[in-house]
Amino acid sequence: MKPFKFFIFCFSFLTLSLFSNVKQYTLQTSGSSNWILPASAITTLFDGNSPQIAINNAGEGVAIWNSGGNIYSSYTTNNGLTWSIPHNFVAGTDFPNIVLNNAGQAIAVYNNDIQYSTDSGHTWTSAISFPVAPAQPIKIAINDNGVAIVAWEDSLNKLRICFSSDGGQNWDFSVGQIATLTSSNFNVAINNYWQAIVSYTEATIPKVFYRDKDANTATTTLGDPSVGPYGVWCSLNNNNQAVAIWIDSVTNIKTRNSTDGGLNWNLSINTLGNSNTISQPPEIAINNLGQTIAIWKDSATANTVSKYSSDGGASWSISPQAVIDSTTTHNLALNNANTAIILGYDGSQLSASSSTNGGQSWSSNTVLSTTTDENQQIAINNQGRAIAVWHDTSL
């Protein structure tokens, strides 16, 4: 097996840092488009794959990845400038994911297990097992009150969900199955008022499932049949605004919005553009100001392009903006100060572009790595500190 590693890259308007397991770099920048290559300080290297990252407003962050048949995590307390020695959860190679809220509650999911932390990933409890084992990557979201939702697909393509009201200490598995999936890609979101949504595709139809603290539920059909393996992407803010995005049967990019947290959805469906591929999902994010950004791979140029909305997804900017050229994968992060970052991988290099006005304009691209693959992720807090993780293939 060829060894490999992954990097963590921390961005703000003042400081950048880069970390590969316990390999760390520090960078300085004077602005969002002035990115300087690091000077390295190499210590021990671990191999790593499928990295995920979460960061909160206190500058605490947790990364999780699989490596050599084990699941590892590492935490930072200073916006990614330094990182802890990796913690070995357990033997396993599948589906790591992680969330962290502003109260320091973290939840890690992987294989058939859930673990929680009350100290931002410094220490972890014993694992709790899923009642029905996941067969695909697990999705998880948590709010600042410690209410969390986990969604997973089992071996029979059933989409199942569970909830925790105490930061992952106890779980309610009673909701169980909510759909039979056409696509193995689905997404979850939850806000601070205990409204949760799950977006997915069933019998090629894009749908959203809603549940609130009073156990009210609703399932909404969003629109025309979708195409491809990437289902529906969703996002939800703390002002009862929700948005969803999908690719329809003729590869048009469609969006729909809600003003009551996802219980009901606007009858109007917006068409943002056209995608020339069904192999890459569109993404969407909404913040507490109602600023919304959508990204997808454009049919004419094969570039990652974006549109923005300033009214919670009800209406959109006219023309798509090209952000990153010729991407094969991309990732989007948006905070409540209208700072956004897009990562894009073009098959040979990983690049980043940032916006300080909610997607109205974007910086020039900065190349982060030329020795990587399609494994990358980005997270940003409300102070404008972001951490990107990716799998490095140079070893």
Protein backbone atom coordinates (compact mmCIF):
# COMPACT_ATOMS: atom_id res chain seq x y z
CA MET A 1 0.00 0.00 0.00
CA LYS A 2 1.41 3.35 -1.00
CA PRO A 3 1.77 5.69 2.01
CA PHE A 4 0.09 9.05 1.90
CA LYS A 5 -0.72 11.98 4.12
CA PHE A 6 -3.23 14.79 4.39
CA PHE A 7 -2.81 18.48 5.00
CA ILE A 8 -4.77 21.01 7.00
CA PHE A 9 -4.57 24.59 5.81
CA CYS A 10 -5.88 27.40 8.01
CA PHE A 11 -6.85 30.70 6.39
CA SER A 12 -7.78 34.08 7.76
CA PHE A 13 -7.06 37.62 6.68
CA LEU A 14 -4.12 37.61 9.09
CA THR A 15 -2.70 34.13 9.46
CA LEU A 16 -2.46 30.87 7.56
CA SER A 17 -1.21 27.55 8.84
CA LEU A 18 -0.75 24.14 7.29
CA PHE A 19 -0.67 20.81 9.06
CA SER A 20 -0.25 17.22 7.92
CA ASN A 21 -1.18 15.04 10.86
CA VAL A 22 1.71 16.30 13.02
CA LYS A 23 3.48 18.18 10.26
CA GLN A 24 2.88 21.91 10.62
CA TYR A 25 3.46 25.08 8.63
CA THR A 26 2.79 28.74 9.47
CA LEU A 27 2.10 31.40 6.86
CA GLN A 28 1.40 35.13 6.85
CA THR A 29 -0.84 37.05 4.47
CA SER A 30 -2.02 40.62 4.11
CA GLY A 31 -5.27 39.82 2.33
CA SER A 32 -7.56 37.13 1.03
CA SER A 33 -5.76 36.83 -2.30
CA ASN A 34 -2.17 37.05 -1.03
CA TRP A 35 -1.29 33.50 -0.08
CA ILE A 36 2.37 32.72 0.67
CA LEU A 37 3.94 29.29 0.45
CA PRO A 38 5.00 27.85 3.83
CA ALA A 39 8.32 27.06 5.41
CA SER A 40 8.08 23.53 6.76
CA ALA A 41 8.79 22.10 10.19
CA ILE A 42 8.52 18.35 9.72
CA THR A 43 7.94 15.95 12.60
CA THR A 44 6.29 12.52 12.48
CA LEU A 45 4.08 11.74 9.48
CA PHE A 46 0.98 9.58 9.47
CA ASP A 47 -0.79 8.45 6.36
CA GLY A 48 -4.37 9.62 6.09
CA ASN A 49 -7.41 9.58 3.83
CA SER A 50 -11.04 10.78 3.75
CA PRO A 51 -10.30 13.81 5.98
CA GLN A 52 -13.13 15.87 7.50
CA ILE A 53 -12.91 19.10 9.52
CA ALA A 54 -15.04 21.19 11.91
CA ILE A 55 -14.26 24.56 13.53
CA ASN A 56 -16.13 26.80 15.99
CA ASN A 57 -16.12 30.52 16.76
CA ALA A 58 -13.62 30.12 19.62
CA GLY A 59 -10.97 28.95 17.16
CA GLU A 60 -11.28 25.33 18.28
CA GLY A 61 -11.19 22.74 15.51
CA VAL A 62 -11.27 18.97 15.13
CA ALA A 63 -10.12 16.88 12.16
CA ILE A 64 -10.89 13.21 11.56
CA TRP A 65 -9.51 10.78 8.99
CA ASN A 66 -8.77 7.10 8.41
CA SER A 67 -5.25 5.77 8.31
CA GLY A 68 -3.80 2.28 8.02
CA GLY A 69 -6.93 0.55 9.23
CA ASN A 70 -7.66 3.01 12.06
CA ILE A 71 -9.71 6.18 12.62
CA TYR A 72 -7.79 9.18 13.99
CA SER A 73 -8.61 12.70 15.16
CA SER A 74 -6.61 15.76 16.12
CA TYR A 75 -7.70 19.04 17.71
CA THR A 76 -6.54 22.65 17.66
CA THR A 77 -7.30 25.45 20.15
CA ASN A 78 -5.82 28.34 18.15
CA ASN A 79 -7.46 28.37 14.73
CA GLY A 80 -5.19 25.67 13.36
CA LEU A 81 -1.82 27.17 14.29
CA THR A 82 -0.92 24.08 16.33
CA TRP A 83 -2.47 20.61 16.56
CA SER A 84 -2.58 17.80 19.10
CA ILE A 85 -0.95 14.42 18.65
CA PRO A 86 -3.52 12.29 16.77
CA HIS A 87 -5.97 10.30 18.86
CA ASN A 88 -6.66 6.73 17.70
CA PHE A 89 -10.39 5.99 18.01
CA VAL A 90 -10.52 2.37 16.93
CA ALA A 91 -9.72 0.02 14.11
CA GLY A 92 -11.74 1.00 11.05
CA THR A 93 -11.51 2.49 7.62
CA ASP A 94 -14.99 3.66 6.68
CA PHE A 95 -16.99 6.86 6.63
CA PRO A 96 -15.43 9.18 9.23
CA ASN A 97 -17.28 12.44 9.81
CA ILE A 98 -17.22 15.04 12.58
CA VAL A 99 -19.11 18.09 13.91
CA LEU A 100 -18.28 20.69 16.56
CA ASN A 101 -20.49 23.43 18.00
CA ASN A 102 -19.76 26.70 19.79
CA ALA A 103 -20.29 25.04 23.18
CA GLY A 104 -17.37 22.70 22.53
CA GLN A 105 -19.54 19.63 21.95
CA ALA A 106 -18.11 17.37 19.26
CA ILE A 107 -19.51 14.19 17.74
CA ALA A 108 -17.55 11.74 15.60
CA VAL A 109 -19.18 9.06 13.45
CA TYR A 110 -17.39 6.26 11.63
CA ASN A 111 -17.89 2.60 10.72
CA ASN A 112 -20.85 1.53 12.89
CA ASP A 113 -20.05 3.83 15.82
CA ILE A 114 -20.80 7.24 17.35
CA GLN A 115 -18.59 8.94 19.95
CA TYR A 116 -18.98 12.31 21.63
CA SER A 117 -16.71 14.84 23.32
CA THR A 118 -17.60 17.66 25.73
CA ASP A 119 -14.22 19.40 25.46
CA SER A 120 -13.87 20.15 21.73
CA GLY A 121 -12.30 16.81 20.87
CA HIS A 122 -9.64 16.69 23.60
CA THR A 123 -11.15 13.52 25.09
CA TRP A 124 -13.74 11.06 23.78
CA THR A 125 -16.26 8.69 25.34
CA SER A 126 -16.84 5.03 24.58
CA ALA A 127 -18.55 4.26 21.29
CA ILE A 128 -22.29 3.81 20.78
CA SER A 129 -23.25 1.51 17.89
CA PHE A 130 -25.89 2.14 15.25
CA PRO A 131 -28.83 -0.29 15.52
CA VAL A 132 -28.59 -0.89 11.76
CA ALA A 133 -25.10 -0.65 10.26
CA PRO A 134 -24.30 2.10 7.73
CA ALA A 135 -23.26 1.07 4.22
CA GLN A 136 -22.34 4.52 2.90
CA PRO A 137 -20.79 7.73 4.32
CA ILE A 138 -22.65 9.07 7.35
CA LYS A 139 -23.99 12.65 7.50
CA ILE A 140 -24.23 14.60 10.76
CA ALA A 141 -25.16 18.10 11.94
CA ILE A 142 -25.27 19.71 15.40
CA ASN A 143 -26.64 23.01 16.71
CA ASP A 144 -25.24 25.18 19.50
CA ASN A 145 -27.64 23.66 22.03
CA GLY A 146 -26.22 20.19 21.51
CA VAL A 147 -29.11 18.85 19.42
CA ALA A 148 -27.70 16.61 16.67
CA ILE A 149 -29.06 14.65 13.73
CA VAL A 150 -27.34 11.71 12.05
CA ALA A 151 -28.46 10.21 8.74
CA TRP A 152 -27.15 7.06 7.13
CA GLU A 153 -27.91 4.55 4.38
CA ASP A 154 -28.05 0.87 5.25
CA SER A 155 -27.20 -2.12 3.07
CA LEU A 156 -30.75 -2.21 1.66
CA ASN A 157 -30.59 1.44 0.52
CA LYS A 158 -32.85 2.58 3.35
CA LEU A 159 -32.24 6.11 4.61
CA ARG A 160 -32.32 6.16 8.42
CA ILE A 161 -32.01 8.99 10.93
CA CYS A 162 -31.53 9.44 14.66
CA PHE A 163 -31.39 12.39 17.05
CA SER A 164 -29.55 13.42 20.20
CA SER A 165 -30.60 16.28 22.49
CA ASP A 166 -27.52 16.23 24.72
CA GLY A 167 -24.50 16.53 22.47
CA GLY A 168 -24.37 12.86 21.56
CA GLN A 169 -24.59 11.28 25.01
CA ASN A 170 -27.95 9.65 24.29
CA TRP A 171 -29.68 8.87 20.98
CA ASP A 172 -33.26 8.46 19.84
CA PHE A 173 -33.37 5.85 17.08
CA SER A 174 -37.18 5.67 17.03
CA VAL A 175 -37.70 7.63 13.81
CA GLY A 176 -35.77 4.97 11.90
CA GLN A 177 -36.28 4.66 8.15
CA ILE A 178 -37.60 7.68 6.26
CA ALA A 179 -36.99 6.68 2.61
CA THR A 180 -35.60 4.18 0.11
CA LEU A 181 -32.80 5.92 -1.73
CA THR A 182 -32.21 6.21 -5.47
CA SER A 183 -28.97 8.12 -4.90
CA SER A 184 -26.50 7.37 -2.12
CA ASN A 185 -25.85 11.07 -1.64
CA PHE A 186 -28.00 12.90 0.91
CA ASN A 187 -27.48 15.82 3.26
CA VAL A 188 -28.61 17.04 6.68
CA ALA A 189 -28.91 20.40 8.43
CA ILE A 190 -30.20 21.62 11.80
CA ASN A 191 -30.66 25.08 13.32
CA ASN A 192 -30.65 26.40 16.88
CA TYR A 193 -34.46 26.18 17.10
CA TRP A 194 -34.45 22.37 16.67
CA GLN A 195 -35.62 22.35 13.08
CA ALA A 196 -33.87 19.61 11.11
CA ILE A 197 -34.00 18.75 7.41
CA VAL A 198 -32.72 15.81 5.40
CA SER A 199 -32.49 16.12 1.60
CA TYR A 200 -32.35 13.03 -0.62
CA THR A 201 -33.58 11.36 -3.82
CA GLU A 202 -36.21 8.62 -3.77
CA ALA A 203 -37.33 6.95 -7.03
CA THR A 204 -35.34 9.74 -8.82
CA ILE A 205 -37.52 12.41 -7.12
CA PRO A 206 -35.73 15.09 -5.05
CA LYS A 207 -37.27 15.34 -1.59
CA VAL A 208 -36.78 16.95 1.83
CA PHE A 209 -37.78 15.46 5.18
CA TYR A 210 -38.50 17.89 8.06
CA ARG A 211 -38.69 17.33 11.82
CA ASP A 212 -38.85 19.77 14.73
CA LYS A 213 -38.57 19.61 18.54
CA ASP A 214 -42.27 18.81 18.88
CA ALA A 215 -41.84 15.78 16.59
CA ASN A 216 -43.80 17.44 13.77
CA THR A 217 -42.71 15.92 10.47
CA ALA A 218 -43.26 16.62 6.79
CA THR A 219 -41.90 15.28 3.50
CA THR A 220 -41.82 17.62 0.48
CA THR A 221 -41.27 16.73 -3.15
CA LEU A 222 -39.05 19.51 -4.43
CA GLY A 223 -39.52 19.22 -8.19
CA ASP A 224 -38.81 17.29 -11.36
CA PRO A 225 -36.92 13.98 -11.31
CA SER A 226 -33.23 14.42 -10.69
CA VAL A 227 -30.35 12.78 -12.49
CA GLY A 228 -27.01 11.36 -11.42
CA PRO A 229 -25.66 9.99 -8.15
CA TYR A 230 -25.58 13.17 -6.11
CA GLY A 231 -29.10 13.65 -4.81
CA VAL A 232 -30.04 16.94 -3.16
CA TRP A 233 -27.89 19.39 -1.20
CA CYS A 234 -29.54 21.47 1.57
CA SER A 235 -28.70 24.24 4.03
CA LEU A 236 -30.60 25.86 6.93
CA ASN A 237 -30.04 28.99 9.04
CA ASN A 238 -31.22 30.23 12.44
CA ASN A 239 -33.87 32.52 10.94
CA ASN A 240 -36.12 29.75 9.58
CA GLN A 241 -34.70 29.99 6.07
CA ALA A 242 -33.82 26.78 4.21
CA VAL A 243 -32.55 26.14 0.68
CA ALA A 244 -32.07 23.05 -1.48
CA ILE A 245 -30.27 22.45 -4.78
CA TRP A 246 -30.26 19.55 -7.26
CA ILE A 247 -29.61 18.63 -10.90
CA ASP A 248 -32.78 17.82 -12.87
CA SER A 249 -33.22 15.21 -15.62
CA VAL A 250 -31.88 17.56 -18.33
CA THR A 251 -28.93 18.66 -16.12
CA ASN A 252 -30.40 22.03 -15.18
CA ILE A 253 -29.41 23.35 -11.74
CA LYS A 254 -32.59 23.83 -9.70
CA THR A 255 -33.14 25.47 -6.31
CA ARG A 256 -36.07 25.93 -3.99
CA ASN A 257 -36.38 27.81 -0.69
CA SER A 258 -38.37 27.71 2.55
CA THR A 259 -39.17 30.49 5.05
CA ASP A 260 -40.35 28.26 7.90
CA GLY A 261 -37.28 26.10 8.43
CA GLY A 262 -38.17 23.49 5.82
CA LEU A 263 -41.71 22.61 6.90
CA ASN A 264 -43.14 24.18 3.73
CA TRP A 265 -41.33 25.16 0.54
CA ASN A 266 -41.85 28.04 -1.89
CA LEU A 267 -43.82 26.90 -4.93
CA SER A 268 -41.39 28.74 -7.21
CA ILE A 269 -38.43 26.69 -8.47
CA ASN A 270 -35.39 28.65 -9.68
CA THR A 271 -33.18 27.47 -12.55
CA LEU A 272 -29.65 28.79 -12.01
CA GLY A 273 -27.84 27.30 -15.01
CA ASN A 274 -26.83 24.02 -16.59
CA SER A 275 -24.25 21.45 -15.61
CA ASN A 276 -22.34 19.40 -18.16
CA THR A 277 -21.82 16.56 -15.73
CA ILE A 278 -23.77 14.46 -13.29
CA SER A 279 -20.59 13.25 -11.65
CA GLN A 280 -20.14 16.29 -9.39
CA PRO A 281 -22.80 17.58 -7.01
CA PRO A 282 -23.87 21.21 -6.85
CA GLU A 283 -23.57 22.72 -3.38
CA ILE A 284 -25.50 25.42 -1.55
CA ALA A 285 -25.01 27.34 1.72
CA ILE A 286 -27.12 29.94 3.55
CA ASN A 287 -26.06 32.09 6.51
CA ASN A 288 -28.05 33.86 9.23
CA LEU A 289 -28.26 37.02 7.10
CA GLY A 290 -30.09 35.08 4.40
CA GLN A 291 -27.10 35.37 2.06
CA THR A 292 -26.99 32.23 -0.07
CA ILE A 293 -24.35 30.87 -2.44
CA ALA A 294 -24.77 28.05 -4.93
CA ILE A 295 -21.93 26.42 -6.89
CA TRP A 296 -21.89 23.85 -9.69
CA LYS A 297 -19.85 22.70 -12.69
CA ASP A 298 -20.88 24.78 -15.71
CA SER A 299 -21.93 23.07 -18.95
CA ALA A 300 -20.16 25.52 -21.28
CA THR A 301 -16.78 25.87 -19.55
CA ALA A 302 -16.44 22.89 -17.15
CA ASN A 303 -15.49 25.48 -14.50
CA THR A 304 -16.95 25.72 -11.01
CA VAL A 305 -19.30 28.70 -11.18
CA SER A 306 -21.43 30.43 -8.57
CA LYS A 307 -24.55 32.53 -8.11
CA TYR A 308 -25.67 34.35 -4.98
CA SER A 309 -28.96 35.33 -3.38
CA SER A 310 -29.47 38.05 -0.78
CA ASP A 311 -33.02 37.02 0.15
CA GLY A 312 -32.66 33.46 1.32
CA GLY A 313 -32.80 31.87 -2.10
CA ALA A 314 -36.02 33.49 -3.32
CA SER A 315 -34.21 35.31 -6.14
CA TRP A 316 -30.72 35.00 -7.61
CA SER A 317 -27.99 37.01 -9.34
CA ILE A 318 -28.35 37.05 -13.12
CA SER A 319 -25.13 35.61 -14.51
CA PRO A 320 -22.98 32.81 -13.05
CA GLN A 321 -19.44 33.80 -12.06
CA ALA A 322 -16.54 31.52 -12.93
CA VAL A 323 -14.61 30.80 -9.73
CA ILE A 324 -12.20 27.89 -10.32
CA ASP A 325 -11.23 26.40 -13.70
CA SER A 326 -11.92 22.85 -14.91
CA THR A 327 -12.83 21.28 -11.58
CA THR A 328 -13.57 17.64 -10.93
CA THR A 329 -14.57 18.24 -7.30
CA HIS A 330 -15.38 21.35 -5.27
CA ASN A 331 -16.34 22.38 -1.72
CA LEU A 332 -18.07 25.49 -0.35
CA ALA A 333 -18.04 27.15 3.09
CA LEU A 334 -19.90 30.35 4.12
CA ASN A 335 -20.00 32.14 7.49
CA ASN A 336 -22.39 34.65 9.07
CA ALA A 337 -20.12 37.58 8.14
CA ASN A 338 -20.55 36.85 4.40
CA THR A 339 -17.06 35.43 4.04
CA ALA A 340 -16.97 32.38 1.76
CA ILE A 341 -14.31 30.03 0.44
CA ILE A 342 -14.47 27.56 -2.44
CA LEU A 343 -11.99 24.72 -2.90
CA GLY A 344 -11.66 23.19 -6.35
CA TYR A 345 -9.64 20.22 -7.61
CA ASP A 346 -8.99 20.00 -11.37
CA GLY A 347 -7.40 16.56 -11.54
CA SER A 348 -3.88 17.79 -10.84
CA GLN A 349 -4.02 20.64 -8.34
CA LEU A 350 -6.16 21.99 -5.50
CA SER A 351 -7.03 25.70 -5.62
CA ALA A 352 -8.98 28.09 -3.39
CA SER A 353 -10.91 31.29 -3.96
CA SER A 354 -12.50 33.55 -1.34
CA SER A 355 -15.27 36.15 -1.16
CA THR A 356 -15.88 38.81 1.47
CA ASN A 357 -19.28 39.92 0.19
CA GLY A 358 -21.35 36.77 0.19
CA GLY A 359 -20.36 35.58 -3.26
CA GLN A 360 -20.87 38.82 -5.18
CA SER A 361 -17.20 38.75 -6.19
CA TRP A 362 -14.33 36.29 -5.78
CA SER A 363 -10.56 36.51 -5.37
CA SER A 364 -8.14 35.09 -7.92
CA ASN A 365 -7.31 31.42 -7.46
CA THR A 366 -4.52 30.31 -5.16
CA VAL A 367 -2.98 26.87 -5.65
CA LEU A 368 -2.80 25.02 -2.33
CA SER A 369 -1.37 21.72 -3.54
CA THR A 370 -0.21 19.96 -6.69
CA THR A 371 0.11 16.56 -4.98
CA THR A 372 -3.43 15.72 -4.00
CA ASP A 373 -6.59 13.94 -5.16
CA GLU A 374 -10.34 14.36 -4.76
CA ASN A 375 -10.32 14.11 -0.94
CA GLN A 376 -10.72 17.62 0.49
CA GLN A 377 -12.98 19.56 2.86
CA ILE A 378 -13.34 23.16 4.11
CA ALA A 379 -14.86 24.73 7.25
CA ILE A 380 -15.05 28.39 8.33
CA ASN A 381 -16.05 30.19 11.54
CA ASN A 382 -17.65 33.61 12.00
CA GLN A 383 -14.28 35.24 12.69
CA GLY A 384 -13.19 34.42 9.15
CA ARG A 385 -10.82 31.62 10.13
CA ALA A 386 -11.10 28.62 7.84
CA ILE A 387 -9.43 25.23 7.83
CA ALA A 388 -9.13 23.14 4.68
CA VAL A 389 -8.06 19.50 4.74
CA TRP A 390 -6.95 17.38 1.84
CA HIS A 391 -5.24 14.10 1.07
CA ASP A 392 -1.66 14.55 -0.11
CA THR A 393 -0.28 11.90 -2.47
CA SER A 394 3.38 12.92 -2.58
CA LEU A 395 4.69 10.12 -0.33
